[in-house]
Amino acid sequence: KKSLRSGETIDHTHKQHRHTTITTLSLTHTQCLSHPHQIKRRNTKKAHYTKNHPKMKFRPCIDLHSGKVKQIVGSTLTDDERAETKQQDQVQIPKKPKEEEEEEEALATNFETNRPAADYAKMYERDALTGGHVIMLGPGNTEAAKSALQAYPNGLQVGGGINETNAQEWLSYGASHVIVTSYVFHHGQIDMERLTNLVNLIGKDKLVLDLSCRRKPNDTNPTKPYYVVTDRWQTYTNVEVNEETLQQLSSYCDEFLVHGVENEGKRCGILEDLVILLGKYSPIPVTYAGGVQGMNDLEMVKTLGDGKVDLTIGSALDCFGGDMSYDEVVAWHKKENSG
């Protein structure tokens, strides 16, 4: 059994470390409840989900950029590349050809292939991998994303530019869930009106909140907290990823997706403290992504996250130009989840 390898080109010229930061927004339980747009939700004093949660899983991914499957160092995405994730009421100023060329040069691409996104989706379906995601990095990815979702109905989540106006449409294309960040984390804060409206529209069981985060570069806080970042990880919010935030937001979504932005795409190791935090405090399923180098990282996430944190692997896999065997990862996943 072979992983997808043909038609691939890899650019290793931008492998330097990147340091990214996040802004978090601290909400109190009172603030959530006092908002006029209330939704039906579970009791926040629920039992920890892991009592009935399956063992740690490998969650596959398909990252799309300009209609192609790619693996990109996320911190190198520019404002224009992030246009699709911005709000519809924001005016996008057309770029001149020279500016577009400069942005392409600045974009660090680990991997690019001409193989269709649907081929990856079919591979994940063949291997019975569920809960993976398709992420649209900027404009021009709609058709590729739709083809992947239709190739593996109800097997993949989708994110990138999702809001109230298109969430149901993406679910109708075959997405199991929609992934949302920028639409809900608006102007540096959690927009409770948008969040509650979205949940009332599609149901919390169809929503994944992306809490991808990074530290602030000059933060004097000795605990060095992680903050949620939006607009392709360039804009800090005031929302800190901590026990309070995870507890509060768990009432509004089915899962969390968290990219450790500081290490995303660099294959420099996982953010161990972030994995520990997620495993300790998330009351619902949570997936971590960022920095995986090899098979040892699977075991490390399993141990640090106490089996409660699932893992997404991108650039390190051989099907994305890396040297980590996709087939070996699938075998590990099946062994963990057997019986």
C-alpha atoms as a PDB file:
ATOM      1  CA  LYS A   1       0.000   0.000   0.000  1.00  0.00           C
ATOM      2  CA  LYS A   2       1.493   3.281  -1.047  1.00  0.00           C
ATOM      3  CA  SER A   3       0.786   6.833   0.020  1.00  0.00           C
ATOM      4  CA  LEU A   4       0.312   9.618  -2.508  1.00  0.00           C
ATOM      5  CA  ARG A   5       3.730  10.601  -3.757  1.00  0.00           C
ATOM      6  CA  SER A   6       3.640  11.387  -7.481  1.00  0.00           C
ATOM      7  CA  GLY A   7       3.422  14.878  -8.878  1.00  0.00           C
ATOM      8  CA  GLU A   8       4.871  16.410  -5.720  1.00  0.00           C
ATOM      9  CA  THR A   9       7.373  19.208  -5.425  1.00  0.00           C
ATOM     10  CA  ILE A  10       8.943  20.364  -2.225  1.00  0.00           C
ATOM     11  CA  ASP A  11      10.471  23.719  -1.371  1.00  0.00           C
ATOM     12  CA  HIS A  12      12.823  23.450   1.601  1.00  0.00           C
ATOM     13  CA  THR A  13      14.217  26.966   1.261  1.00  0.00           C
ATOM     14  CA  HIS A  14      12.137  28.419   4.043  1.00  0.00           C
ATOM     15  CA  LYS A  15      12.689  25.941   6.863  1.00  0.00           C
ATOM     16  CA  GLN A  16      13.750  28.524   9.436  1.00  0.00           C
ATOM     17  CA  HIS A  17      12.011  28.703  12.799  1.00  0.00           C
ATOM     18  CA  ARG A  18       9.095  31.050  13.010  1.00  0.00           C
ATOM     19  CA  HIS A  19       7.754  32.464  16.200  1.00  0.00           C
ATOM     20  CA  THR A  20       4.137  33.432  16.327  1.00  0.00           C
ATOM     21  CA  THR A  21       2.002  34.867  19.008  1.00  0.00           C
ATOM     22  CA  ILE A  22      -1.586  34.925  20.030  1.00  0.00           C
ATOM     23  CA  THR A  23      -4.038  37.114  21.720  1.00  0.00           C
ATOM     24  CA  THR A  24      -6.684  35.762  23.990  1.00  0.00           C
ATOM     25  CA  LEU A  25      -9.946  36.995  25.219  1.00  0.00           C
ATOM     26  CA  SER A  26     -10.975  36.238  28.757  1.00  0.00           C
ATOM     27  CA  LEU A  27     -14.713  35.864  29.196  1.00  0.00           C
ATOM     28  CA  THR A  28     -16.427  35.379  32.493  1.00  0.00           C
ATOM     29  CA  HIS A  29     -19.248  32.906  32.894  1.00  0.00           C
ATOM     30  CA  THR A  30     -21.491  35.841  33.779  1.00  0.00           C
ATOM     31  CA  GLN A  31     -20.642  37.629  30.533  1.00  0.00           C
ATOM     32  CA  CYS A  32     -21.598  34.556  28.517  1.00  0.00           C
ATOM     33  CA  LEU A  33     -24.907  34.122  30.296  1.00  0.00           C
ATOM     34  CA  SER A  34     -25.793  37.793  30.302  1.00  0.00           C
ATOM     35  CA  HIS A  35     -25.638  38.137  26.544  1.00  0.00           C
ATOM     36  CA  PRO A  36     -29.123  38.784  25.099  1.00  0.00           C
ATOM     37  CA  HIS A  37     -28.752  36.161  22.378  1.00  0.00           C
ATOM     38  CA  GLN A  38     -29.043  32.986  24.415  1.00  0.00           C
ATOM     39  CA  ILE A  39     -28.906  29.491  22.978  1.00  0.00           C
ATOM     40  CA  LYS A  40     -29.924  26.118  24.246  1.00  0.00           C
ATOM     41  CA  ARG A  41     -26.884  24.481  25.771  1.00  0.00           C
ATOM     42  CA  ARG A  42     -25.849  21.749  28.096  1.00  0.00           C
ATOM     43  CA  ASN A  43     -25.183  22.187  31.771  1.00  0.00           C
ATOM     44  CA  THR A  44     -21.651  23.559  32.068  1.00  0.00           C
ATOM     45  CA  LYS A  45     -21.088  21.251  35.034  1.00  0.00           C
ATOM     46  CA  LYS A  46     -20.891  18.252  32.737  1.00  0.00           C
ATOM     47  CA  ALA A  47     -18.670  15.275  33.326  1.00  0.00           C
ATOM     48  CA  HIS A  48     -15.316  15.246  31.556  1.00  0.00           C
ATOM     49  CA  TYR A  49     -15.885  13.905  28.037  1.00  0.00           C
ATOM     50  CA  THR A  50     -12.947  11.533  28.190  1.00  0.00           C
ATOM     51  CA  LYS A  51     -14.879   9.062  30.296  1.00  0.00           C
ATOM     52  CA  ASN A  52     -16.604   7.937  27.100  1.00  0.00           C
ATOM     53  CA  HIS A  53     -14.137   9.350  24.580  1.00  0.00           C
ATOM     54  CA  PRO A  54     -12.267   6.869  22.345  1.00  0.00           C
ATOM     55  CA  LYS A  55      -8.509   6.555  22.582  1.00  0.00           C
ATOM     56  CA  MET A  56      -6.220   9.108  21.002  1.00  0.00           C
ATOM     57  CA  LYS A  57      -6.707   9.374  17.253  1.00  0.00           C
ATOM     58  CA  PHE A  58      -4.693  10.526  14.276  1.00  0.00           C
ATOM     59  CA  ARG A  59      -6.705  13.186  12.444  1.00  0.00           C
ATOM     60  CA  PRO A  60      -5.765  13.702   8.770  1.00  0.00           C
ATOM     61  CA  CYS A  61      -5.750  17.036   6.956  1.00  0.00           C
ATOM     62  CA  ILE A  62      -5.996  18.617   3.520  1.00  0.00           C
ATOM     63  CA  ASP A  63      -4.653  22.173   3.336  1.00  0.00           C
ATOM     64  CA  LEU A  64      -5.643  24.075   0.207  1.00  0.00           C
ATOM     65  CA  HIS A  65      -3.965  27.162  -1.230  1.00  0.00           C
ATOM     66  CA  SER A  66      -4.791  28.611  -4.659  1.00  0.00           C
ATOM     67  CA  GLY A  67      -6.783  25.472  -5.434  1.00  0.00           C
ATOM     68  CA  LYS A  68      -3.905  23.060  -4.768  1.00  0.00           C
ATOM     69  CA  VAL A  69      -3.005  20.754  -1.910  1.00  0.00           C
ATOM     70  CA  LYS A  70      -0.068  22.367  -0.119  1.00  0.00           C
ATOM     71  CA  GLN A  71       1.754  22.443   3.182  1.00  0.00           C
ATOM     72  CA  ILE A  72       2.642  26.006   4.140  1.00  0.00           C
ATOM     73  CA  VAL A  73       4.421  27.618   7.066  1.00  0.00           C
ATOM     74  CA  GLY A  74       1.356  29.398   8.404  1.00  0.00           C
ATOM     75  CA  SER A  75       3.105  32.494   9.745  1.00  0.00           C
ATOM     76  CA  THR A  76       4.224  33.416   6.223  1.00  0.00           C
ATOM     77  CA  LEU A  77       0.665  33.879   4.943  1.00  0.00           C
ATOM     78  CA  THR A  78       0.050  37.526   4.065  1.00  0.00           C
ATOM     79  CA  ASP A  79      -3.045  39.678   4.497  1.00  0.00           C
ATOM     80  CA  ASP A  80      -4.031  38.971   0.896  1.00  0.00           C
ATOM     81  CA  GLU A  81      -3.626  35.220   1.361  1.00  0.00           C
ATOM     82  CA  ARG A  82      -5.889  35.530   4.381  1.00  0.00           C
ATOM     83  CA  ALA A  83      -8.594  37.466   2.533  1.00  0.00           C
ATOM     84  CA  GLU A  84     -11.094  34.617   2.476  1.00  0.00           C
ATOM     85  CA  THR A  85     -11.085  34.332   6.249  1.00  0.00           C
ATOM     86  CA  LYS A  86     -11.868  38.003   6.779  1.00  0.00           C
ATOM     87  CA  GLN A  87     -15.337  39.377   7.228  1.00  0.00           C
ATOM     88  CA  GLN A  88     -17.459  40.169   4.215  1.00  0.00           C
ATOM     89  CA  ASP A  89     -17.871  43.796   5.258  1.00  0.00           C
ATOM     90  CA  GLN A  90     -14.139  44.422   4.936  1.00  0.00           C
ATOM     91  CA  VAL A  91     -13.005  45.857   1.613  1.00  0.00           C
ATOM     92  CA  GLN A  92     -10.107  44.057  -0.026  1.00  0.00           C
ATOM     93  CA  ILE A  93      -7.802  46.331  -2.028  1.00  0.00           C
ATOM     94  CA  PRO A  94      -6.558  44.663  -5.241  1.00  0.00           C
ATOM     95  CA  LYS A  95      -2.836  44.000  -5.301  1.00  0.00           C
ATOM     96  CA  LYS A  96      -0.563  45.129  -8.098  1.00  0.00           C
ATOM     97  CA  PRO A  97       1.369  42.417  -9.996  1.00  0.00           C
ATOM     98  CA  LYS A  98       4.669  43.328  -8.308  1.00  0.00           C
ATOM     99  CA  GLU A  99       3.082  43.107  -4.867  1.00  0.00           C
ATOM    100  CA  GLU A 100       1.633  39.694  -5.741  1.00  0.00           C
ATOM    101  CA  GLU A 101       5.076  38.449  -6.786  1.00  0.00           C
ATOM    102  CA  GLU A 102       6.604  39.683  -3.528  1.00  0.00           C
ATOM    103  CA  GLU A 103       3.913  37.896  -1.533  1.00  0.00           C
ATOM    104  CA  GLU A 104       4.521  34.611  -3.385  1.00  0.00           C
ATOM    105  CA  GLU A 105       8.231  34.900  -2.618  1.00  0.00           C
ATOM    106  CA  ALA A 106       7.470  35.509   1.067  1.00  0.00           C
ATOM    107  CA  LEU A 107       5.213  32.453   1.273  1.00  0.00           C
ATOM    108  CA  ALA A 108       7.137  29.495   2.684  1.00  0.00           C
ATOM    109  CA  THR A 109       5.826  26.342   1.002  1.00  0.00           C
ATOM    110  CA  ASN A 110       6.984  22.979   2.317  1.00  0.00           C
ATOM    111  CA  PHE A 111       5.016  20.955  -0.203  1.00  0.00           C
ATOM    112  CA  GLU A 112       2.832  21.314  -3.281  1.00  0.00           C
ATOM    113  CA  THR A 113       1.214  18.718  -5.521  1.00  0.00           C
ATOM    114  CA  ASN A 114      -0.997  18.492  -8.576  1.00  0.00           C
ATOM    115  CA  ARG A 115      -2.839  15.505  -7.137  1.00  0.00           C
ATOM    116  CA  PRO A 116      -6.489  16.446  -6.518  1.00  0.00           C
ATOM    117  CA  ALA A 117      -7.730  17.066  -3.003  1.00  0.00           C
ATOM    118  CA  ALA A 118     -10.347  14.380  -3.629  1.00  0.00           C
ATOM    119  CA  ASP A 119      -7.574  11.762  -3.926  1.00  0.00           C
ATOM    120  CA  TYR A 120      -6.470  12.497  -0.382  1.00  0.00           C
ATOM    121  CA  ALA A 121     -10.064  12.353   0.835  1.00  0.00           C
ATOM    122  CA  LYS A 122     -10.521   8.939  -0.784  1.00  0.00           C
ATOM    123  CA  MET A 123      -7.313   7.730   0.832  1.00  0.00           C
ATOM    124  CA  TYR A 124      -8.560   8.815   4.260  1.00  0.00           C
ATOM    125  CA  GLU A 125     -11.887   7.097   3.648  1.00  0.00           C
ATOM    126  CA  ARG A 126     -10.093   3.924   2.549  1.00  0.00           C
ATOM    127  CA  ASP A 127      -8.143   3.934   5.799  1.00  0.00           C
ATOM    128  CA  ALA A 128     -11.251   4.672   7.905  1.00  0.00           C
ATOM    129  CA  LEU A 129      -9.807   7.915   9.281  1.00  0.00           C
ATOM    130  CA  THR A 130     -12.480  10.244  10.619  1.00  0.00           C
ATOM    131  CA  GLY A 131     -12.516  13.744  12.068  1.00  0.00           C
ATOM    132  CA  GLY A 132      -9.915  15.167   9.700  1.00  0.00           C
ATOM    133  CA  HIS A 133     -10.177  18.627   8.220  1.00  0.00           C
ATOM    134  CA  VAL A 134     -10.022  20.530   4.949  1.00  0.00           C
ATOM    135  CA  ILE A 135      -8.682  24.060   5.416  1.00  0.00           C
ATOM    136  CA  MET A 136      -9.033  26.727   2.718  1.00  0.00           C
ATOM    137  CA  LEU A 137      -6.067  29.091   2.972  1.00  0.00           C
ATOM    138  CA  GLY A 138      -7.314  32.135   1.125  1.00  0.00           C
ATOM    139  CA  PRO A 139      -9.462  32.444  -2.013  1.00  0.00           C
ATOM    140  CA  GLY A 140      -9.664  30.078  -4.973  1.00  0.00           C
ATOM    141  CA  ASN A 141     -10.178  26.864  -3.006  1.00  0.00           C
ATOM    142  CA  THR A 142     -13.935  26.351  -3.064  1.00  0.00           C
ATOM    143  CA  GLU A 143     -14.096  23.768  -5.838  1.00  0.00           C
ATOM    144  CA  ALA A 144     -11.176  21.738  -4.491  1.00  0.00           C
ATOM    145  CA  ALA A 145     -12.718  21.725  -1.013  1.00  0.00           C
ATOM    146  CA  LYS A 146     -16.121  20.680  -2.349  1.00  0.00           C
ATOM    147  CA  SER A 147     -14.557  17.831  -4.313  1.00  0.00           C
ATOM    148  CA  ALA A 148     -12.821  16.515  -1.187  1.00  0.00           C
ATOM    149  CA  LEU A 149     -16.000  16.668   0.899  1.00  0.00           C
ATOM    150  CA  GLN A 150     -18.015  14.947  -1.809  1.00  0.00           C
ATOM    151  CA  ALA A 151     -15.362  12.225  -2.131  1.00  0.00           C
ATOM    152  CA  TYR A 152     -15.654  11.426   1.586  1.00  0.00           C
ATOM    153  CA  PRO A 153     -19.160  12.486   2.732  1.00  0.00           C
ATOM    154  CA  ASN A 154     -19.434  13.229   6.440  1.00  0.00           C
ATOM    155  CA  GLY A 155     -15.816  12.198   6.934  1.00  0.00           C
ATOM    156  CA  LEU A 156     -14.120  15.588   6.962  1.00  0.00           C
ATOM    157  CA  GLN A 157     -14.577  18.973   8.601  1.00  0.00           C
ATOM    158  CA  VAL A 158     -14.092  22.195   6.633  1.00  0.00           C
ATOM    159  CA  GLY A 159     -12.742  25.603   7.590  1.00  0.00           C
ATOM    160  CA  GLY A 160     -11.702  28.876   6.010  1.00  0.00           C
ATOM    161  CA  GLY A 161     -14.128  31.756   5.568  1.00  0.00           C
ATOM    162  CA  ILE A 162     -17.038  29.990   7.270  1.00  0.00           C
ATOM    163  CA  ASN A 163     -19.810  32.226   8.624  1.00  0.00           C
ATOM    164  CA  GLU A 164     -23.577  32.391   9.087  1.00  0.00           C
ATOM    165  CA  THR A 165     -24.228  32.883   5.393  1.00  0.00           C
ATOM    166  CA  ASN A 166     -22.424  29.771   4.140  1.00  0.00           C
ATOM    167  CA  ALA A 167     -22.180  27.308   7.058  1.00  0.00           C
ATOM    168  CA  GLN A 168     -25.260  25.322   6.073  1.00  0.00           C
ATOM    169  CA  GLU A 169     -24.130  25.251   2.457  1.00  0.00           C
ATOM    170  CA  TRP A 170     -20.801  23.658   3.407  1.00  0.00           C
ATOM    171  CA  LEU A 171     -22.592  21.073   5.512  1.00  0.00           C
ATOM    172  CA  SER A 172     -24.765  20.279   2.503  1.00  0.00           C
ATOM    173  CA  TYR A 173     -21.598  19.630   0.461  1.00  0.00           C
ATOM    174  CA  GLY A 174     -20.765  16.779   2.824  1.00  0.00           C
ATOM    175  CA  ALA A 175     -18.787  18.341   5.677  1.00  0.00           C
ATOM    176  CA  SER A 176     -19.335  16.666   9.040  1.00  0.00           C
ATOM    177  CA  HIS A 177     -18.607  19.975  10.820  1.00  0.00           C
ATOM    178  CA  VAL A 178     -17.650  23.532   9.971  1.00  0.00           C
ATOM    179  CA  ILE A 179     -14.573  25.072  11.586  1.00  0.00           C
ATOM    180  CA  VAL A 180     -14.768  28.714  12.606  1.00  0.00           C
ATOM    181  CA  THR A 181     -12.285  31.226  13.990  1.00  0.00           C
ATOM    182  CA  SER A 182     -12.248  34.730  12.534  1.00  0.00           C
ATOM    183  CA  TYR A 183     -16.021  35.051  12.241  1.00  0.00           C
ATOM    184  CA  VAL A 184     -16.495  34.390  15.962  1.00  0.00           C
ATOM    185  CA  PHE A 185     -13.291  35.950  17.285  1.00  0.00           C
ATOM    186  CA  HIS A 186     -14.079  39.395  15.952  1.00  0.00           C
ATOM    187  CA  HIS A 187     -12.165  42.614  16.697  1.00  0.00           C
ATOM    188  CA  GLY A 188     -10.053  40.812  19.269  1.00  0.00           C
ATOM    189  CA  GLN A 189     -12.985  39.505  21.260  1.00  0.00           C
ATOM    190  CA  ILE A 190     -15.461  36.668  21.252  1.00  0.00           C
ATOM    191  CA  ASP A 191     -18.535  37.947  19.430  1.00  0.00           C
ATOM    192  CA  MET A 192     -21.252  36.226  21.431  1.00  0.00           C
ATOM    193  CA  GLU A 193     -24.011  37.344  19.073  1.00  0.00           C
ATOM    194  CA  ARG A 194     -22.305  35.752  16.083  1.00  0.00           C
ATOM    195  CA  LEU A 195     -21.469  32.623  18.040  1.00  0.00           C
ATOM    196  CA  THR A 196     -24.969  32.082  19.400  1.00  0.00           C
ATOM    197  CA  ASN A 197     -26.561  32.827  16.033  1.00  0.00           C
ATOM    198  CA  LEU A 198     -24.288  30.297  14.351  1.00  0.00           C
ATOM    199  CA  VAL A 199     -25.047  27.632  16.951  1.00  0.00           C
ATOM    200  CA  ASN A 200     -28.773  28.265  16.664  1.00  0.00           C
ATOM    201  CA  LEU A 201     -28.446  27.958  12.887  1.00  0.00           C
ATOM    202  CA  ILE A 202     -26.510  24.691  12.571  1.00  0.00           C
ATOM    203  CA  GLY A 203     -26.389  23.256  16.103  1.00  0.00           C
ATOM    204  CA  LYS A 204     -23.379  22.976  18.394  1.00  0.00           C
ATOM    205  CA  ASP A 205     -22.834  19.373  17.267  1.00  0.00           C
ATOM    206  CA  LYS A 206     -21.833  20.651  13.811  1.00  0.00           C
ATOM    207  CA  LEU A 207     -19.442  23.361  14.987  1.00  0.00           C
ATOM    208  CA  VAL A 208     -15.702  23.172  15.662  1.00  0.00           C
ATOM    209  CA  LEU A 209     -14.050  26.236  17.181  1.00  0.00           C
ATOM    210  CA  ASP A 210     -10.494  26.825  16.027  1.00  0.00           C
ATOM    211  CA  LEU A 211      -8.477  28.040  19.010  1.00  0.00           C
ATOM    212  CA  SER A 212      -5.148  28.090  17.200  1.00  0.00           C
ATOM    213  CA  CYS A 213      -2.828  30.132  19.345  1.00  0.00           C
ATOM    214  CA  ARG A 214       0.568  31.644  19.961  1.00  0.00           C
ATOM    215  CA  ARG A 215       2.460  33.541  22.610  1.00  0.00           C
ATOM    216  CA  LYS A 216       2.969  37.292  22.414  1.00  0.00           C
ATOM    217  CA  PRO A 217       6.625  38.031  21.594  1.00  0.00           C
ATOM    218  CA  ASN A 218       7.187  40.652  24.291  1.00  0.00           C
ATOM    219  CA  ASP A 219       4.783  39.367  26.923  1.00  0.00           C
ATOM    220  CA  THR A 220       6.040  40.119  30.430  1.00  0.00           C
ATOM    221  CA  ASN A 221       3.601  37.651  31.981  1.00  0.00           C
ATOM    222  CA  PRO A 222       5.803  34.991  33.626  1.00  0.00           C
ATOM    223  CA  THR A 223       3.347  32.241  32.667  1.00  0.00           C
ATOM    224  CA  LYS A 224       3.739  33.085  28.947  1.00  0.00           C
ATOM    225  CA  PRO A 225       0.091  32.372  28.075  1.00  0.00           C
ATOM    226  CA  TYR A 226      -1.148  31.349  24.649  1.00  0.00           C
ATOM    227  CA  TYR A 227      -3.622  33.642  22.894  1.00  0.00           C
ATOM    228  CA  VAL A 228      -6.086  32.763  20.145  1.00  0.00           C
ATOM    229  CA  VAL A 229      -5.000  34.203  16.802  1.00  0.00           C
ATOM    230  CA  THR A 230      -7.193  34.859  13.768  1.00  0.00           C
ATOM    231  CA  ASP A 231      -6.855  35.885  10.108  1.00  0.00           C
ATOM    232  CA  ARG A 232      -4.471  33.047   9.320  1.00  0.00           C
ATOM    233  CA  TRP A 233      -2.726  33.433  12.671  1.00  0.00           C
ATOM    234  CA  GLN A 234      -1.549  37.018  12.199  1.00  0.00           C
ATOM    235  CA  THR A 235      -4.068  38.872  14.377  1.00  0.00           C
ATOM    236  CA  TYR A 236      -4.032  38.499  18.138  1.00  0.00           C
ATOM    237  CA  THR A 237      -7.254  38.364  20.086  1.00  0.00           C
ATOM    238  CA  ASN A 238      -7.625  39.057  23.798  1.00  0.00           C
ATOM    239  CA  VAL A 239      -8.647  35.456  24.424  1.00  0.00           C
ATOM    240  CA  GLU A 240      -6.253  33.335  26.419  1.00  0.00           C
ATOM    241  CA  VAL A 241      -6.317  29.586  25.945  1.00  0.00           C
ATOM    242  CA  ASN A 242      -6.820  28.433  29.505  1.00  0.00           C
ATOM    243  CA  GLU A 243      -9.176  26.392  31.661  1.00  0.00           C
ATOM    244  CA  GLU A 244     -11.810  29.131  31.829  1.00  0.00           C
ATOM    245  CA  THR A 245     -11.936  29.694  28.071  1.00  0.00           C
ATOM    246  CA  LEU A 246     -12.059  25.982  27.266  1.00  0.00           C
ATOM    247  CA  GLN A 247     -14.858  25.401  29.762  1.00  0.00           C
ATOM    248  CA  GLN A 248     -16.940  28.343  28.546  1.00  0.00           C
ATOM    249  CA  LEU A 249     -16.618  27.707  24.824  1.00  0.00           C
ATOM    250  CA  SER A 250     -17.218  23.973  25.166  1.00  0.00           C
ATOM    251  CA  SER A 251     -20.903  24.784  25.664  1.00  0.00           C
ATOM    252  CA  TYR A 252     -21.071  26.202  22.136  1.00  0.00           C
ATOM    253  CA  CYS A 253     -19.257  23.624  20.004  1.00  0.00           C
ATOM    254  CA  ASP A 254     -18.614  19.925  19.485  1.00  0.00           C
ATOM    255  CA  GLU A 255     -14.809  20.034  19.336  1.00  0.00           C
ATOM    256  CA  PHE A 256     -11.768  22.301  19.444  1.00  0.00           C
ATOM    257  CA  LEU A 257      -9.006  22.469  16.831  1.00  0.00           C
ATOM    258  CA  VAL A 258      -5.755  23.997  18.079  1.00  0.00           C
ATOM    259  CA  HIS A 259      -2.700  24.684  15.939  1.00  0.00           C
ATOM    260  CA  GLY A 260       0.448  25.446  17.901  1.00  0.00           C
ATOM    261  CA  VAL A 261       1.291  28.296  15.572  1.00  0.00           C
ATOM    262  CA  GLU A 262       4.840  28.797  16.835  1.00  0.00           C
ATOM    263  CA  ASN A 263       5.807  25.366  15.496  1.00  0.00           C
ATOM    264  CA  GLU A 264       3.271  24.840  12.709  1.00  0.00           C
ATOM    265  CA  GLY A 265       4.905  23.657   9.485  1.00  0.00           C
ATOM    266  CA  LYS A 266       8.435  23.653  10.907  1.00  0.00           C
ATOM    267  CA  ARG A 267       8.818  20.042  12.088  1.00  0.00           C
ATOM    268  CA  CYS A 268      10.666  21.281  15.162  1.00  0.00           C
ATOM    269  CA  GLY A 269       8.711  19.370  17.788  1.00  0.00           C
ATOM    270  CA  ILE A 270       5.338  19.802  19.435  1.00  0.00           C
ATOM    271  CA  LEU A 271       4.481  22.495  21.987  1.00  0.00           C
ATOM    272  CA  GLU A 272       4.494  20.229  24.998  1.00  0.00           C
ATOM    273  CA  ASP A 273       3.024  22.704  27.483  1.00  0.00           C
ATOM    274  CA  LEU A 274       0.116  23.426  25.151  1.00  0.00           C
ATOM    275  CA  VAL A 275      -0.664  19.725  24.730  1.00  0.00           C
ATOM    276  CA  ILE A 276      -0.604  19.291  28.510  1.00  0.00           C
ATOM    277  CA  LEU A 277      -2.958  22.251  28.945  1.00  0.00           C
ATOM    278  CA  LEU A 278      -5.428  20.885  26.393  1.00  0.00           C
ATOM    279  CA  GLY A 279      -5.391  17.401  27.856  1.00  0.00           C
ATOM    280  CA  LYS A 280      -5.901  18.704  31.359  1.00  0.00           C
ATOM    281  CA  TYR A 281      -8.640  21.270  30.789  1.00  0.00           C
ATOM    282  CA  SER A 282     -10.625  20.597  27.596  1.00  0.00           C
ATOM    283  CA  PRO A 283     -14.012  19.050  28.491  1.00  0.00           C
ATOM    284  CA  ILE A 284     -14.718  18.105  24.859  1.00  0.00           C
ATOM    285  CA  PRO A 285     -12.674  16.419  22.088  1.00  0.00           C
ATOM    286  CA  VAL A 286      -9.672  18.502  21.031  1.00  0.00           C
ATOM    287  CA  THR A 287      -7.154  18.104  18.216  1.00  0.00           C
ATOM    288  CA  TYR A 288      -3.629  19.528  18.342  1.00  0.00           C
ATOM    289  CA  ALA A 289      -1.496  20.270  15.270  1.00  0.00           C
ATOM    290  CA  GLY A 290       1.949  21.763  14.892  1.00  0.00           C
ATOM    291  CA  GLY A 291       5.603  20.721  14.800  1.00  0.00           C
ATOM    292  CA  VAL A 292       5.364  16.924  14.582  1.00  0.00           C
ATOM    293  CA  GLN A 293       8.692  15.396  13.526  1.00  0.00           C
ATOM    294  CA  GLY A 294       8.255  11.639  13.812  1.00  0.00           C
ATOM    295  CA  MET A 295       6.522   8.679  15.396  1.00  0.00           C
ATOM    296  CA  ASN A 296       7.844   9.579  18.839  1.00  0.00           C
ATOM    297  CA  ASP A 297       5.613  12.654  18.801  1.00  0.00           C
ATOM    298  CA  LEU A 298       2.526  10.459  18.607  1.00  0.00           C
ATOM    299  CA  GLU A 299       3.548   8.738  21.812  1.00  0.00           C
ATOM    300  CA  MET A 300       4.489  12.054  23.394  1.00  0.00           C
ATOM    301  CA  VAL A 301       1.102  13.622  22.658  1.00  0.00           C
ATOM    302  CA  LYS A 302      -0.578  10.482  23.949  1.00  0.00           C
ATOM    303  CA  THR A 303       1.375  10.711  27.207  1.00  0.00           C
ATOM    304  CA  LEU A 304       1.307  14.482  27.746  1.00  0.00           C
ATOM    305  CA  GLY A 305      -2.347  14.754  26.768  1.00  0.00           C
ATOM    306  CA  ASP A 306      -3.288  11.712  28.840  1.00  0.00           C
ATOM    307  CA  GLY A 307      -4.829  10.130  25.738  1.00  0.00           C
ATOM    308  CA  LYS A 308      -7.354  12.958  25.493  1.00  0.00           C
ATOM    309  CA  VAL A 309      -5.712  15.020  22.736  1.00  0.00           C
ATOM    310  CA  ASP A 310      -5.941  13.882  19.111  1.00  0.00           C
ATOM    311  CA  LEU A 311      -3.164  14.752  16.667  1.00  0.00           C
ATOM    312  CA  THR A 312      -2.994  16.131  13.135  1.00  0.00           C
ATOM    313  CA  ILE A 313       0.218  15.679  11.143  1.00  0.00           C
ATOM    314  CA  GLY A 314       1.002  17.595   7.960  1.00  0.00           C
ATOM    315  CA  SER A 315       4.444  18.393   6.531  1.00  0.00           C
ATOM    316  CA  ALA A 316       6.180  15.485   8.259  1.00  0.00           C
ATOM    317  CA  LEU A 317       4.168  12.820   6.393  1.00  0.00           C
ATOM    318  CA  ASP A 318       5.568  11.227   3.238  1.00  0.00           C
ATOM    319  CA  CYS A 319       2.281  11.903   1.439  1.00  0.00           C
ATOM    320  CA  PHE A 320       3.079  15.607   1.971  1.00  0.00           C
ATOM    321  CA  GLY A 321       6.747  15.393   1.066  1.00  0.00           C
ATOM    322  CA  GLY A 322       8.135  14.457   4.478  1.00  0.00           C
ATOM    323  CA  ASP A 323       9.879  11.289   5.636  1.00  0.00           C
ATOM    324  CA  MET A 324       7.332  10.087   8.199  1.00  0.00           C
ATOM    325  CA  SER A 325       5.420   7.075   6.905  1.00  0.00           C
ATOM    326  CA  TYR A 326       1.718   7.756   6.468  1.00  0.00           C
ATOM    327  CA  ASP A 327       1.072   4.010   6.457  1.00  0.00           C
ATOM    328  CA  GLU A 328       2.930   3.625   9.753  1.00  0.00           C
ATOM    329  CA  VAL A 329       0.873   6.415  11.324  1.00  0.00           C
ATOM    330  CA  VAL A 330      -2.350   4.767  10.145  1.00  0.00           C
ATOM    331  CA  ALA A 331      -1.191   1.444  11.587  1.00  0.00           C
ATOM    332  CA  TRP A 332      -0.428   3.159  14.916  1.00  0.00           C
ATOM    333  CA  HIS A 333      -3.870   4.772  14.906  1.00  0.00           C
ATOM    334  CA  LYS A 334      -5.642   1.476  14.212  1.00  0.00           C
ATOM    335  CA  LYS A 335      -3.711  -0.307  16.937  1.00  0.00           C
ATOM    336  CA  GLU A 336      -4.585   2.431  19.449  1.00  0.00           C
ATOM    337  CA  ASN A 337      -8.260   2.336  18.569  1.00  0.00           C
ATOM    338  CA  SER A 338      -8.754  -1.412  18.263  1.00  0.00           C
ATOM    339  CA  GLY A 339     -10.847  -3.423  20.672  1.00  0.00           C
END
